Amino acid sequence: MKFHALHGVLPVESVIGNNYEVNISIETDTHKAEEEDDLGGTINYAEVYDLVKAEMECPSKLIEHVAYRIRKTLVGHYPEIERLEVEVRKMRPPVNGEVTYASISLTYERSI
C-alpha cells in the first residue's frame, strides 16, 4: 500500500509530509473461504486497506508508533488473525545521505 502522510519528528515533515509504503502479511484460517468461495470466510483486504489508510491519516512522530497503531487496529477488528506482520517504510527519509527507505516491522502472534 502506498500513501503520502505527515509523519515525522522534524517540524517540516508535519507540513510537507513524505511517501510511505505499508506491507501487511496476515495468517488466518481460510478453510471456509477455500471451500465455499465466500468472502465471509476470510479477511477482506479492501477493509484492511481502509483501516490502514485511516491510521496513516493520523500523524505520528515515529513510524514505530504508526506500525503499532495499524497492528492494534487490525487485531482489534479481526480477532481471528493468527499471525500478523506490519511493515511501514518511510521513503527517502530526511537524513544526511542517500537512503531509499527506513522501515520498521512489528509482528503479532495470537496465544493459543
PDB file of N, CA and C in Angstrom:
ATOM      1  N   MET A   1       0.841  -1.156   0.000  1.00  0.00           N
ATOM      2  CA  MET A   1       0.000   0.000   0.000  1.00  0.00           C
ATOM      3  C   MET A   1       0.895   1.230   0.000  1.00  0.00           C
ATOM      4  N   LYS A   2       0.512   2.243  -0.729  1.00  0.00           N
ATOM      5  CA  LYS A   2       1.305   3.468  -0.804  1.00  0.00           C
ATOM      6  C   LYS A   2       0.461   4.653  -0.344  1.00  0.00           C
ATOM      7  N   PHE A   3       1.118   5.510   0.442  1.00  0.00           N
ATOM      8  CA  PHE A   3       0.440   6.679   0.999  1.00  0.00           C
ATOM      9  C   PHE A   3       1.378   7.877   1.020  1.00  0.00           C
ATOM     10  N   HIS A   4       0.806   9.054   1.036  1.00  0.00           N
ATOM     11  CA  HIS A   4       1.529  10.278   1.383  1.00  0.00           C
ATOM     12  C   HIS A   4       0.963  10.678   2.748  1.00  0.00           C
ATOM     13  N   ALA A   5       1.853  10.858   3.725  1.00  0.00           N
ATOM     14  CA  ALA A   5       1.378  11.120   5.084  1.00  0.00           C
ATOM     15  C   ALA A   5       2.285  12.124   5.780  1.00  0.00           C
ATOM     16  N   LEU A   6       1.820  12.619   6.926  1.00  0.00           N
ATOM     17  CA  LEU A   6       2.501  13.684   7.662  1.00  0.00           C
ATOM     18  C   LEU A   6       3.188  13.179   8.926  1.00  0.00           C
ATOM     19  N   HIS A   7       3.899  12.069   8.843  1.00  0.00           N
ATOM     20  CA  HIS A   7       4.612  11.527   9.989  1.00  0.00           C
ATOM     21  C   HIS A   7       6.041  12.062  10.001  1.00  0.00           C
ATOM     22  N   GLY A   8       6.584  12.255  11.192  1.00  0.00           N
ATOM     23  CA  GLY A   8       7.981  12.650  11.294  1.00  0.00           C
ATOM     24  C   GLY A   8       8.269  13.492  12.516  1.00  0.00           C
ATOM     25  N   VAL A   9       9.524  13.476  12.905  1.00  0.00           N
ATOM     26  CA  VAL A   9       9.990  14.228  14.076  1.00  0.00           C
ATOM     27  C   VAL A   9      10.242  15.689  13.711  1.00  0.00           C
ATOM     28  N   LEU A  10      10.747  15.916  12.505  1.00  0.00           N
ATOM     29  CA  LEU A  10      11.063  17.281  12.090  1.00  0.00           C
ATOM     30  C   LEU A  10       9.780  18.068  11.814  1.00  0.00           C
ATOM     31  N   PRO A  11       9.727  19.334  12.252  1.00  0.00           N
ATOM     32  CA  PRO A  11       8.517  20.138  12.032  1.00  0.00           C
ATOM     33  C   PRO A  11       8.087  20.204  10.564  1.00  0.00           C
ATOM     34  N   VAL A  12       9.034  20.274   9.653  1.00  0.00           N
ATOM     35  CA  VAL A  12       8.703  20.370   8.233  1.00  0.00           C
ATOM     36  C   VAL A  12       7.973  19.120   7.737  1.00  0.00           C
ATOM     37  N   GLU A  13       8.229  17.978   8.371  1.00  0.00           N
ATOM     38  CA  GLU A  13       7.579  16.735   7.950  1.00  0.00           C
ATOM     39  C   GLU A  13       6.076  16.755   8.215  1.00  0.00           C
ATOM     40  N   SER A  14       5.662  17.502   9.223  1.00  0.00           N
ATOM     41  CA  SER A  14       4.229  17.595   9.505  1.00  0.00           C
ATOM     42  C   SER A  14       3.519  18.571   8.577  1.00  0.00           C
ATOM     43  N   VAL A  15       4.296  19.258   7.743  1.00  0.00           N
ATOM     44  CA  VAL A  15       3.724  20.198   6.787  1.00  0.00           C
ATOM     45  C   VAL A  15       3.756  19.630   5.366  1.00  0.00           C
ATOM     46  N   ILE A  16       4.930  19.171   4.925  1.00  0.00           N
ATOM     47  CA  ILE A  16       5.043  18.681   3.542  1.00  0.00           C
ATOM     48  C   ILE A  16       4.845  17.172   3.428  1.00  0.00           C
ATOM     49  N   GLY A  17       5.069  16.450   4.531  1.00  0.00           N
ATOM     50  CA  GLY A  17       4.864  15.008   4.530  1.00  0.00           C
ATOM     51  C   GLY A  17       5.921  14.251   3.757  1.00  0.00           C
ATOM     52  N   ASN A  18       5.635  12.980   3.563  1.00  0.00           N
ATOM     53  CA  ASN A  18       6.556  12.086   2.873  1.00  0.00           C
ATOM     54  C   ASN A  18       5.745  10.927   2.303  1.00  0.00           C
ATOM     55  N   ASN A  19       6.388  10.138   1.469  1.00  0.00           N
ATOM     56  CA  ASN A  19       5.754   8.943   0.915  1.00  0.00           C
ATOM     57  C   ASN A  19       6.085   7.737   1.777  1.00  0.00           C
ATOM     58  N   TYR A  20       5.098   6.871   1.925  1.00  0.00           N
ATOM     59  CA  TYR A  20       5.224   5.677   2.762  1.00  0.00           C
ATOM     60  C   TYR A  20       4.683   4.471   2.023  1.00  0.00           C
ATOM     61  N   GLU A  21       5.237   3.328   2.364  1.00  0.00           N
ATOM     62  CA  GLU A  21       4.704   2.051   1.910  1.00  0.00           C
ATOM     63  C   GLU A  21       4.386   1.224   3.138  1.00  0.00           C
ATOM     64  N   VAL A  22       3.258   0.535   3.097  1.00  0.00           N
ATOM     65  CA  VAL A  22       2.861  -0.337   4.197  1.00  0.00           C
ATOM     66  C   VAL A  22       2.626  -1.730   3.617  1.00  0.00           C
ATOM     67  N   ASN A  23       3.304  -2.698   4.183  1.00  0.00           N
ATOM     68  CA  ASN A  23       3.138  -4.098   3.785  1.00  0.00           C
ATOM     69  C   ASN A  23       2.526  -4.867   4.948  1.00  0.00           C
ATOM     70  N   ILE A  24       1.486  -5.611   4.642  1.00  0.00           N
ATOM     71  CA  ILE A  24       0.762  -6.370   5.661  1.00  0.00           C
ATOM     72  C   ILE A  24       0.784  -7.839   5.263  1.00  0.00           C
ATOM     73  N   SER A  25       1.113  -8.690   6.204  1.00  0.00           N
ATOM     74  CA  SER A  25       1.034 -10.134   5.999  1.00  0.00           C
ATOM     75  C   SER A  25       0.161 -10.707   7.112  1.00  0.00           C
ATOM     76  N   ILE A  26      -0.909 -11.414   6.717  1.00  0.00           N
ATOM     77  CA  ILE A  26      -1.868 -11.949   7.681  1.00  0.00           C
ATOM     78  C   ILE A  26      -1.970 -13.453   7.520  1.00  0.00           C
ATOM     79  N   GLU A  27      -1.915 -14.147   8.638  1.00  0.00           N
ATOM     80  CA  GLU A  27      -2.188 -15.588   8.655  1.00  0.00           C
ATOM     81  C   GLU A  27      -3.471 -15.806   9.441  1.00  0.00           C
ATOM     82  N   THR A  28      -4.396 -16.543   8.831  1.00  0.00           N
ATOM     83  CA  THR A  28      -5.677 -16.842   9.452  1.00  0.00           C
ATOM     84  C   THR A  28      -6.227 -18.116   8.825  1.00  0.00           C
ATOM     85  N   ASP A  29      -7.221 -18.693   9.425  1.00  0.00           N
ATOM     86  CA  ASP A  29      -7.852 -19.888   8.877  1.00  0.00           C
ATOM     87  C   ASP A  29      -8.751 -19.483   7.711  1.00  0.00           C
ATOM     88  N   THR A  30      -8.418 -19.934   6.522  1.00  0.00           N
ATOM     89  CA  THR A  30      -9.204 -19.602   5.327  1.00  0.00           C
ATOM     90  C   THR A  30      -9.983 -20.813   4.812  1.00  0.00           C
ATOM     91  N   HIS A  31     -10.100 -21.834   5.628  1.00  0.00           N
ATOM     92  CA  HIS A  31     -10.760 -23.083   5.227  1.00  0.00           C
ATOM     93  C   HIS A  31     -12.153 -22.842   4.637  1.00  0.00           C
ATOM     94  N   LYS A  32     -12.953 -22.027   5.320  1.00  0.00           N
ATOM     95  CA  LYS A  32     -14.321 -21.771   4.862  1.00  0.00           C
ATOM     96  C   LYS A  32     -14.322 -21.056   3.503  1.00  0.00           C
ATOM     97  N   ALA A  33     -13.470 -20.052   3.347  1.00  0.00           N
ATOM     98  CA  ALA A  33     -13.395 -19.322   2.077  1.00  0.00           C
ATOM     99  C   ALA A  33     -12.930 -20.235   0.945  1.00  0.00           C
ATOM    100  N   GLU A  34     -11.997 -21.121   1.249  1.00  0.00           N
ATOM    101  CA  GLU A  34     -11.493 -22.050   0.238  1.00  0.00           C
ATOM    102  C   GLU A  34     -12.598 -22.978  -0.254  1.00  0.00           C
ATOM    103  N   GLU A  35     -13.364 -23.506   0.662  1.00  0.00           N
ATOM    104  CA  GLU A  35     -14.398 -24.478   0.301  1.00  0.00           C
ATOM    105  C   GLU A  35     -15.661 -23.833  -0.274  1.00  0.00           C
ATOM    106  N   GLU A  36     -16.061 -22.692   0.289  1.00  0.00           N
ATOM    107  CA  GLU A  36     -17.350 -22.104  -0.070  1.00  0.00           C
ATOM    108  C   GLU A  36     -17.255 -20.911  -1.021  1.00  0.00           C
ATOM    109  N   ASP A  37     -16.025 -20.469  -1.317  1.00  0.00           N
ATOM    110  CA  ASP A  37     -15.827 -19.315  -2.199  1.00  0.00           C
ATOM    111  C   ASP A  37     -16.654 -18.130  -1.712  1.00  0.00           C
ATOM    112  N   ASP A  38     -16.564 -17.879  -0.384  1.00  0.00           N
ATOM    113  CA  ASP A  38     -17.370 -16.849   0.266  1.00  0.00           C
ATOM    114  C   ASP A  38     -16.452 -15.889   1.016  1.00  0.00           C
ATOM    115  N   LEU A  39     -16.581 -14.601   0.733  1.00  0.00           N
ATOM    116  CA  LEU A  39     -15.757 -13.584   1.382  1.00  0.00           C
ATOM    117  C   LEU A  39     -15.923 -13.585   2.895  1.00  0.00           C
ATOM    118  N   GLY A  40     -17.077 -14.027   3.380  1.00  0.00           N
ATOM    119  CA  GLY A  40     -17.313 -14.085   4.818  1.00  0.00           C
ATOM    120  C   GLY A  40     -16.421 -15.077   5.545  1.00  0.00           C
ATOM    121  N   GLY A  41     -15.739 -15.920   4.807  1.00  0.00           N
ATOM    122  CA  GLY A  41     -14.869 -16.914   5.426  1.00  0.00           C
ATOM    123  C   GLY A  41     -13.409 -16.521   5.448  1.00  0.00           C
ATOM    124  N   THR A  42     -13.127 -15.259   5.190  1.00  0.00           N
ATOM    125  CA  THR A  42     -11.740 -14.799   5.192  1.00  0.00           C
ATOM    126  C   THR A  42     -11.688 -13.328   5.596  1.00  0.00           C
ATOM    127  N   ILE A  43     -10.512 -12.750   5.537  1.00  0.00           N
ATOM    128  CA  ILE A  43     -10.323 -11.337   5.871  1.00  0.00           C
ATOM    129  C   ILE A  43     -10.365 -10.530   4.582  1.00  0.00           C
ATOM    130  N   ASN A  44     -11.219  -9.531   4.558  1.00  0.00           N
ATOM    131  CA  ASN A  44     -11.442  -8.706   3.380  1.00  0.00           C
ATOM    132  C   ASN A  44     -10.296  -7.697   3.237  1.00  0.00           C
ATOM    133  N   TYR A  45      -9.473  -7.859   2.199  1.00  0.00           N
ATOM    134  CA  TYR A  45      -8.324  -6.965   2.063  1.00  0.00           C
ATOM    135  C   TYR A  45      -8.718  -5.533   1.711  1.00  0.00           C
ATOM    136  N   ALA A  46      -9.912  -5.318   1.158  1.00  0.00           N
ATOM    137  CA  ALA A  46     -10.379  -3.946   0.925  1.00  0.00           C
ATOM    138  C   ALA A  46     -10.639  -3.248   2.266  1.00  0.00           C
ATOM    139  N   GLU A  47     -11.201  -3.980   3.230  1.00  0.00           N
ATOM    140  CA  GLU A  47     -11.395  -3.420   4.572  1.00  0.00           C
ATOM    141  C   GLU A  47     -10.052  -3.173   5.255  1.00  0.00           C
ATOM    142  N   VAL A  48      -9.108  -4.102   5.072  1.00  0.00           N
ATOM    143  CA  VAL A  48      -7.775  -3.923   5.653  1.00  0.00           C
ATOM    144  C   VAL A  48      -7.164  -2.624   5.126  1.00  0.00           C
ATOM    145  N   TYR A  49      -7.270  -2.404   3.820  1.00  0.00           N
ATOM    146  CA  TYR A  49      -6.735  -1.179   3.232  1.00  0.00           C
ATOM    147  C   TYR A  49      -7.370   0.057   3.880  1.00  0.00           C
ATOM    148  N   ASP A  50      -8.680   0.054   4.015  1.00  0.00           N
ATOM    149  CA  ASP A  50      -9.367   1.207   4.607  1.00  0.00           C
ATOM    150  C   ASP A  50      -8.928   1.449   6.048  1.00  0.00           C
ATOM    151  N   LEU A  51      -8.733   0.390   6.811  1.00  0.00           N
ATOM    152  CA  LEU A  51      -8.276   0.534   8.199  1.00  0.00           C
ATOM    153  C   LEU A  51      -6.859   1.096   8.250  1.00  0.00           C
ATOM    154  N   VAL A  52      -5.981   0.595   7.385  1.00  0.00           N
ATOM    155  CA  VAL A  52      -4.603   1.093   7.333  1.00  0.00           C
ATOM    156  C   VAL A  52      -4.597   2.554   6.886  1.00  0.00           C
ATOM    157  N   LYS A  53      -5.376   2.881   5.880  1.00  0.00           N
ATOM    158  CA  LYS A  53      -5.450   4.255   5.383  1.00  0.00           C
ATOM    159  C   LYS A  53      -5.857   5.217   6.497  1.00  0.00           C
ATOM    160  N   ALA A  54      -6.844   4.838   7.296  1.00  0.00           N
ATOM    161  CA  ALA A  54      -7.290   5.690   8.400  1.00  0.00           C
ATOM    162  C   ALA A  54      -6.158   5.934   9.393  1.00  0.00           C
ATOM    163  N   GLU A  55      -5.370   4.917   9.690  1.00  0.00           N
ATOM    164  CA  GLU A  55      -4.247   5.092  10.619  1.00  0.00           C
ATOM    165  C   GLU A  55      -3.147   5.946   9.997  1.00  0.00           C
ATOM    166  N   MET A  56      -2.917   5.796   8.699  1.00  0.00           N
ATOM    167  CA  MET A  56      -1.887   6.595   8.028  1.00  0.00           C
ATOM    168  C   MET A  56      -2.264   8.070   7.979  1.00  0.00           C
ATOM    169  N   GLU A  57      -3.548   8.368   8.036  1.00  0.00           N
ATOM    170  CA  GLU A  57      -4.006   9.758   8.008  1.00  0.00           C
ATOM    171  C   GLU A  57      -3.866  10.454   9.356  1.00  0.00           C
ATOM    172  N   CYS A  58      -3.549   9.705  10.399  1.00  0.00           N
ATOM    173  CA  CYS A  58      -3.368  10.257  11.741  1.00  0.00           C
ATOM    174  C   CYS A  58      -1.863  10.458  11.984  1.00  0.00           C
ATOM    175  N   PRO A  59      -1.374  11.699  12.010  1.00  0.00           N
ATOM    176  CA  PRO A  59       0.070  11.955  12.133  1.00  0.00           C
ATOM    177  C   PRO A  59       0.686  11.399  13.417  1.00  0.00           C
ATOM    178  N   SER A  60       1.894  10.880  13.268  1.00  0.00           N
ATOM    179  CA  SER A  60       2.722  10.416  14.381  1.00  0.00           C
ATOM    180  C   SER A  60       4.140  10.902  14.150  1.00  0.00           C
ATOM    181  N   LYS A  61       4.913  10.988  15.210  1.00  0.00           N
ATOM    182  CA  LYS A  61       6.318  11.353  15.056  1.00  0.00           C
ATOM    183  C   LYS A  61       7.131  10.180  14.525  1.00  0.00           C
ATOM    184  N   LEU A  62       6.827   8.977  15.003  1.00  0.00           N
ATOM    185  CA  LEU A  62       7.656   7.806  14.692  1.00  0.00           C
ATOM    186  C   LEU A  62       6.894   6.758  13.888  1.00  0.00           C
ATOM    187  N   ILE A  63       7.607   6.122  12.947  1.00  0.00           N
ATOM    188  CA  ILE A  63       6.966   5.049  12.180  1.00  0.00           C
ATOM    189  C   ILE A  63       6.695   3.837  13.071  1.00  0.00           C
ATOM    190  N   GLU A  64       7.427   3.708  14.156  1.00  0.00           N
ATOM    191  CA  GLU A  64       7.145   2.639  15.108  1.00  0.00           C
ATOM    192  C   GLU A  64       5.732   2.792  15.680  1.00  0.00           C
ATOM    193  N   HIS A  65       5.361   4.025  15.975  1.00  0.00           N
ATOM    194  CA  HIS A  65       4.036   4.298  16.520  1.00  0.00           C
ATOM    195  C   HIS A  65       2.952   4.039  15.473  1.00  0.00           C
ATOM    196  N   VAL A  66       3.240   4.407  14.233  1.00  0.00           N
ATOM    197  CA  VAL A  66       2.290   4.153  13.145  1.00  0.00           C
ATOM    198  C   VAL A  66       2.060   2.650  12.993  1.00  0.00           C
ATOM    199  N   ALA A  67       3.144   1.885  12.949  1.00  0.00           N
ATOM    200  CA  ALA A  67       3.039   0.423  12.799  1.00  0.00           C
ATOM    201  C   ALA A  67       2.280  -0.197  13.971  1.00  0.00           C
ATOM    202  N   TYR A  68       2.543   0.294  15.178  1.00  0.00           N
ATOM    203  CA  TYR A  68       1.841  -0.192  16.368  1.00  0.00           C
ATOM    204  C   TYR A  68       0.337   0.054  16.254  1.00  0.00           C
ATOM    205  N   ARG A  69      -0.046   1.261  15.839  1.00  0.00           N
ATOM    206  CA  ARG A  69      -1.470   1.580  15.722  1.00  0.00           C
ATOM    207  C   ARG A  69      -2.145   0.721  14.656  1.00  0.00           C
ATOM    208  N   ILE A  70      -1.459   0.497  13.538  1.00  0.00           N
ATOM    209  CA  ILE A  70      -2.014  -0.360  12.486  1.00  0.00           C
ATOM    210  C   ILE A  70      -2.203  -1.773  13.018  1.00  0.00           C
ATOM    211  N   ARG A  71      -1.175  -2.308  13.686  1.00  0.00           N
ATOM    212  CA  ARG A  71      -1.256  -3.662  14.243  1.00  0.00           C
ATOM    213  C   ARG A  71      -2.410  -3.764  15.239  1.00  0.00           C
ATOM    214  N   LYS A  72      -2.511  -2.807  16.132  1.00  0.00           N
ATOM    215  CA  LYS A  72      -3.566  -2.807  17.154  1.00  0.00           C
ATOM    216  C   LYS A  72      -4.948  -2.743  16.505  1.00  0.00           C
ATOM    217  N   THR A  73      -5.106  -1.900  15.502  1.00  0.00           N
ATOM    218  CA  THR A  73      -6.394  -1.760  14.812  1.00  0.00           C
ATOM    219  C   THR A  73      -6.784  -3.048  14.099  1.00  0.00           C
ATOM    220  N   LEU A  74      -5.856  -3.649  13.372  1.00  0.00           N
ATOM    221  CA  LEU A  74      -6.181  -4.866  12.619  1.00  0.00           C
ATOM    222  C   LEU A  74      -6.511  -6.033  13.538  1.00  0.00           C
ATOM    223  N   VAL A  75      -5.740  -6.204  14.593  1.00  0.00           N
ATOM    224  CA  VAL A  75      -6.009  -7.297  15.545  1.00  0.00           C
ATOM    225  C   VAL A  75      -7.336  -7.048  16.262  1.00  0.00           C
ATOM    226  N   GLY A  76      -7.635  -5.802  16.577  1.00  0.00           N
ATOM    227  CA  GLY A  76      -8.905  -5.482  17.225  1.00  0.00           C
ATOM    228  C   GLY A  76     -10.093  -5.714  16.313  1.00  0.00           C
ATOM    229  N   HIS A  77      -9.926  -5.423  15.040  1.00  0.00           N
ATOM    230  CA  HIS A  77     -11.016  -5.574  14.078  1.00  0.00           C
ATOM    231  C   HIS A  77     -11.197  -7.032  13.635  1.00  0.00           C
ATOM    232  N   TYR A  78     -10.110  -7.763  13.606  1.00  0.00           N
ATOM    233  CA  TYR A  78     -10.129  -9.159  13.151  1.00  0.00           C
ATOM    234  C   TYR A  78      -9.532 -10.069  14.222  1.00  0.00           C
ATOM    235  N   PRO A  79     -10.305 -10.457  15.224  1.00  0.00           N
ATOM    236  CA  PRO A  79      -9.765 -11.317  16.283  1.00  0.00           C
ATOM    237  C   PRO A  79      -9.352 -12.704  15.768  1.00  0.00           C
ATOM    238  N   GLU A  80      -9.776 -13.059  14.571  1.00  0.00           N
ATOM    239  CA  GLU A  80      -9.402 -14.364  14.007  1.00  0.00           C
ATOM    240  C   GLU A  80      -7.983 -14.386  13.436  1.00  0.00           C
ATOM    241  N   ILE A  81      -7.297 -13.247  13.418  1.00  0.00           N
ATOM    242  CA  ILE A  81      -5.913 -13.221  12.942  1.00  0.00           C
ATOM    243  C   ILE A  81      -5.062 -14.093  13.853  1.00  0.00           C
ATOM    244  N   GLU A  82      -4.336 -15.004  13.245  1.00  0.00           N
ATOM    245  CA  GLU A  82      -3.425 -15.880  14.000  1.00  0.00           C
ATOM    246  C   GLU A  82      -2.025 -15.284  14.075  1.00  0.00           C
ATOM    247  N   ARG A  83      -1.585 -14.702  12.979  1.00  0.00           N
ATOM    248  CA  ARG A  83      -0.274 -14.052  12.927  1.00  0.00           C
ATOM    249  C   ARG A  83      -0.381 -12.861  11.985  1.00  0.00           C
ATOM    250  N   LEU A  84       0.299 -11.774  12.366  1.00  0.00           N
ATOM    251  CA  LEU A  84       0.248 -10.545  11.586  1.00  0.00           C
ATOM    252  C   LEU A  84       1.630  -9.917  11.576  1.00  0.00           C
ATOM    253  N   GLU A  85       2.044  -9.444  10.411  1.00  0.00           N
ATOM    254  CA  GLU A  85       3.258  -8.646  10.313  1.00  0.00           C
ATOM    255  C   GLU A  85       2.897  -7.336   9.626  1.00  0.00           C
ATOM    256  N   VAL A  86       3.318  -6.247  10.233  1.00  0.00           N
ATOM    257  CA  VAL A  86       3.086  -4.907   9.698  1.00  0.00           C
ATOM    258  C   VAL A  86       4.448  -4.261   9.469  1.00  0.00           C
ATOM    259  N   GLU A  87       4.708  -3.886   8.234  1.00  0.00           N
ATOM    260  CA  GLU A  87       5.941  -3.158   7.906  1.00  0.00           C
ATOM    261  C   GLU A  87       5.553  -1.782   7.382  1.00  0.00           C
ATOM    262  N   VAL A  88       6.155  -0.746   7.963  1.00  0.00           N
ATOM    263  CA  VAL A  88       5.962   0.626   7.498  1.00  0.00           C
ATOM    264  C   VAL A  88       7.316   1.119   6.992  1.00  0.00           C
ATOM    265  N   ARG A  89       7.322   1.578   5.746  1.00  0.00           N
ATOM    266  CA  ARG A  89       8.536   2.114   5.129  1.00  0.00           C
ATOM    267  C   ARG A  89       8.364   3.609   4.865  1.00  0.00           C
ATOM    268  N   LYS A  90       9.299   4.374   5.357  1.00  0.00           N
ATOM    269  CA  LYS A  90       9.343   5.803   5.066  1.00  0.00           C
ATOM    270  C   LYS A  90      10.324   5.977   3.912  1.00  0.00           C
ATOM    271  N   MET A  91       9.820   6.417   2.783  1.00  0.00           N
ATOM    272  CA  MET A  91      10.638   6.529   1.591  1.00  0.00           C
ATOM    273  C   MET A  91      11.493   7.801   1.646  1.00  0.00           C
ATOM    274  N   ARG A  92      12.740   7.652   1.274  1.00  0.00           N
ATOM    275  CA  ARG A  92      13.695   8.760   1.234  1.00  0.00           C
ATOM    276  C   ARG A  92      13.612   9.652   2.474  1.00  0.00           C
ATOM    277  N   PRO A  93      13.913   9.063   3.644  1.00  0.00           N
ATOM    278  CA  PRO A  93      13.832   9.851   4.881  1.00  0.00           C
ATOM    279  C   PRO A  93      14.854  10.999   4.873  1.00  0.00           C
ATOM    280  N   PRO A  94      14.548  12.067   5.603  1.00  0.00           N
ATOM    281  CA  PRO A  94      15.442  13.231   5.615  1.00  0.00           C
ATOM    282  C   PRO A  94      16.678  12.978   6.486  1.00  0.00           C
ATOM    283  N   VAL A  95      17.710  12.444   5.862  1.00  0.00           N
ATOM    284  CA  VAL A  95      18.988  12.196   6.542  1.00  0.00           C
ATOM    285  C   VAL A  95      20.106  12.822   5.708  1.00  0.00           C
ATOM    286  N   ASN A  96      21.283  12.875   6.276  1.00  0.00           N
ATOM    287  CA  ASN A  96      22.436  13.464   5.565  1.00  0.00           C
ATOM    288  C   ASN A  96      23.092  12.433   4.660  1.00  0.00           C
ATOM    289  N   GLY A  97      22.349  11.958   3.689  1.00  0.00           N
ATOM    290  CA  GLY A  97      22.863  10.972   2.752  1.00  0.00           C
ATOM    291  C   GLY A  97      21.722  10.382   1.961  1.00  0.00           C
ATOM    292  N   GLU A  98      22.064   9.499   1.044  1.00  0.00           N
ATOM    293  CA  GLU A  98      21.054   8.880   0.192  1.00  0.00           C
ATOM    294  C   GLU A  98      20.578   7.573   0.822  1.00  0.00           C
ATOM    295  N   VAL A  99      19.303   7.539   1.198  1.00  0.00           N
ATOM    296  CA  VAL A  99      18.688   6.369   1.804  1.00  0.00           C
ATOM    297  C   VAL A  99      17.377   6.105   1.070  1.00  0.00           C
ATOM    298  N   THR A 100      17.204   4.893   0.579  1.00  0.00           N
ATOM    299  CA  THR A 100      15.985   4.563  -0.159  1.00  0.00           C
ATOM    300  C   THR A 100      14.776   4.592   0.760  1.00  0.00           C
ATOM    301  N   TYR A 101      14.894   3.940   1.921  1.00  0.00           N
ATOM    302  CA  TYR A 101      13.811   3.969   2.896  1.00  0.00           C
ATOM    303  C   TYR A 101      14.319   3.547   4.261  1.00  0.00           C
ATOM    304  N   ALA A 102      13.563   3.946   5.277  1.00  0.00           N
ATOM    305  CA  ALA A 102      13.750   3.451   6.641  1.00  0.00           C
ATOM    306  C   ALA A 102      12.483   2.665   6.964  1.00  0.00           C
ATOM    307  N   SER A 103      12.626   1.534   7.643  1.00  0.00           N
ATOM    308  CA  SER A 103      11.429   0.733   7.902  1.00  0.00           C
ATOM    309  C   SER A 103      11.439   0.128   9.295  1.00  0.00           C
ATOM    310  N   ILE A 104      10.240  -0.231   9.706  1.00  0.00           N
ATOM    311  CA  ILE A 104      10.036  -0.955  10.958  1.00  0.00           C
ATOM    312  C   ILE A 104       9.030  -2.061  10.673  1.00  0.00           C
ATOM    313  N   SER A 105       9.273  -3.224  11.240  1.00  0.00           N
ATOM    314  CA  SER A 105       8.338  -4.335  11.120  1.00  0.00           C
ATOM    315  C   SER A 105       7.924  -4.775  12.529  1.00  0.00           C
ATOM    316  N   LEU A 106       6.635  -4.876  12.746  1.00  0.00           N
ATOM    317  CA  LEU A 106       6.097  -5.376  14.015  1.00  0.00           C
ATOM    318  C   LEU A 106       5.270  -6.610  13.722  1.00  0.00           C
ATOM    319  N   THR A 107       5.320  -7.567  14.626  1.00  0.00           N
ATOM    320  CA  THR A 107       4.537  -8.788  14.448  1.00  0.00           C
ATOM    321  C   THR A 107       3.600  -8.995  15.626  1.00  0.00           C
ATOM    322  N   TYR A 108       2.617  -9.822  15.379  1.00  0.00           N
ATOM    323  CA  TYR A 108       1.652 -10.248  16.397  1.00  0.00           C
ATOM    324  C   TYR A 108       1.429 -11.719  16.178  1.00  0.00           C
ATOM    325  N   GLU A 109       1.406 -12.501  17.242  1.00  0.00           N
ATOM    326  CA  GLU A 109       1.023 -13.903  17.190  1.00  0.00           C
ATOM    327  C   GLU A 109       0.028 -14.165  18.287  1.00  0.00           C
ATOM    328  N   ARG A 110      -1.127 -14.696  17.891  1.00  0.00           N
ATOM    329  CA  ARG A 110      -2.174 -14.990  18.861  1.00  0.00           C
ATOM    330  C   ARG A 110      -1.724 -16.127  19.763  1.00  0.00           C
ATOM    331  N   SER A 111      -1.944 -15.964  21.046  1.00  0.00           N
ATOM    332  CA  SER A 111      -1.658 -17.033  22.008  1.00  0.00           C
ATOM    333  C   SER A 111      -2.702 -18.120  21.900  1.00  0.00           C
ATOM    334  N   ILE A 112      -2.248 -19.325  21.983  1.00  0.00           N
ATOM    335  CA  ILE A 112      -3.207 -20.451  21.888  1.00  0.00           C
ATOM    336  C   ILE A 112      -3.500 -20.993  23.259  1.00  0.00           C
TER     337      ILE A 112
END
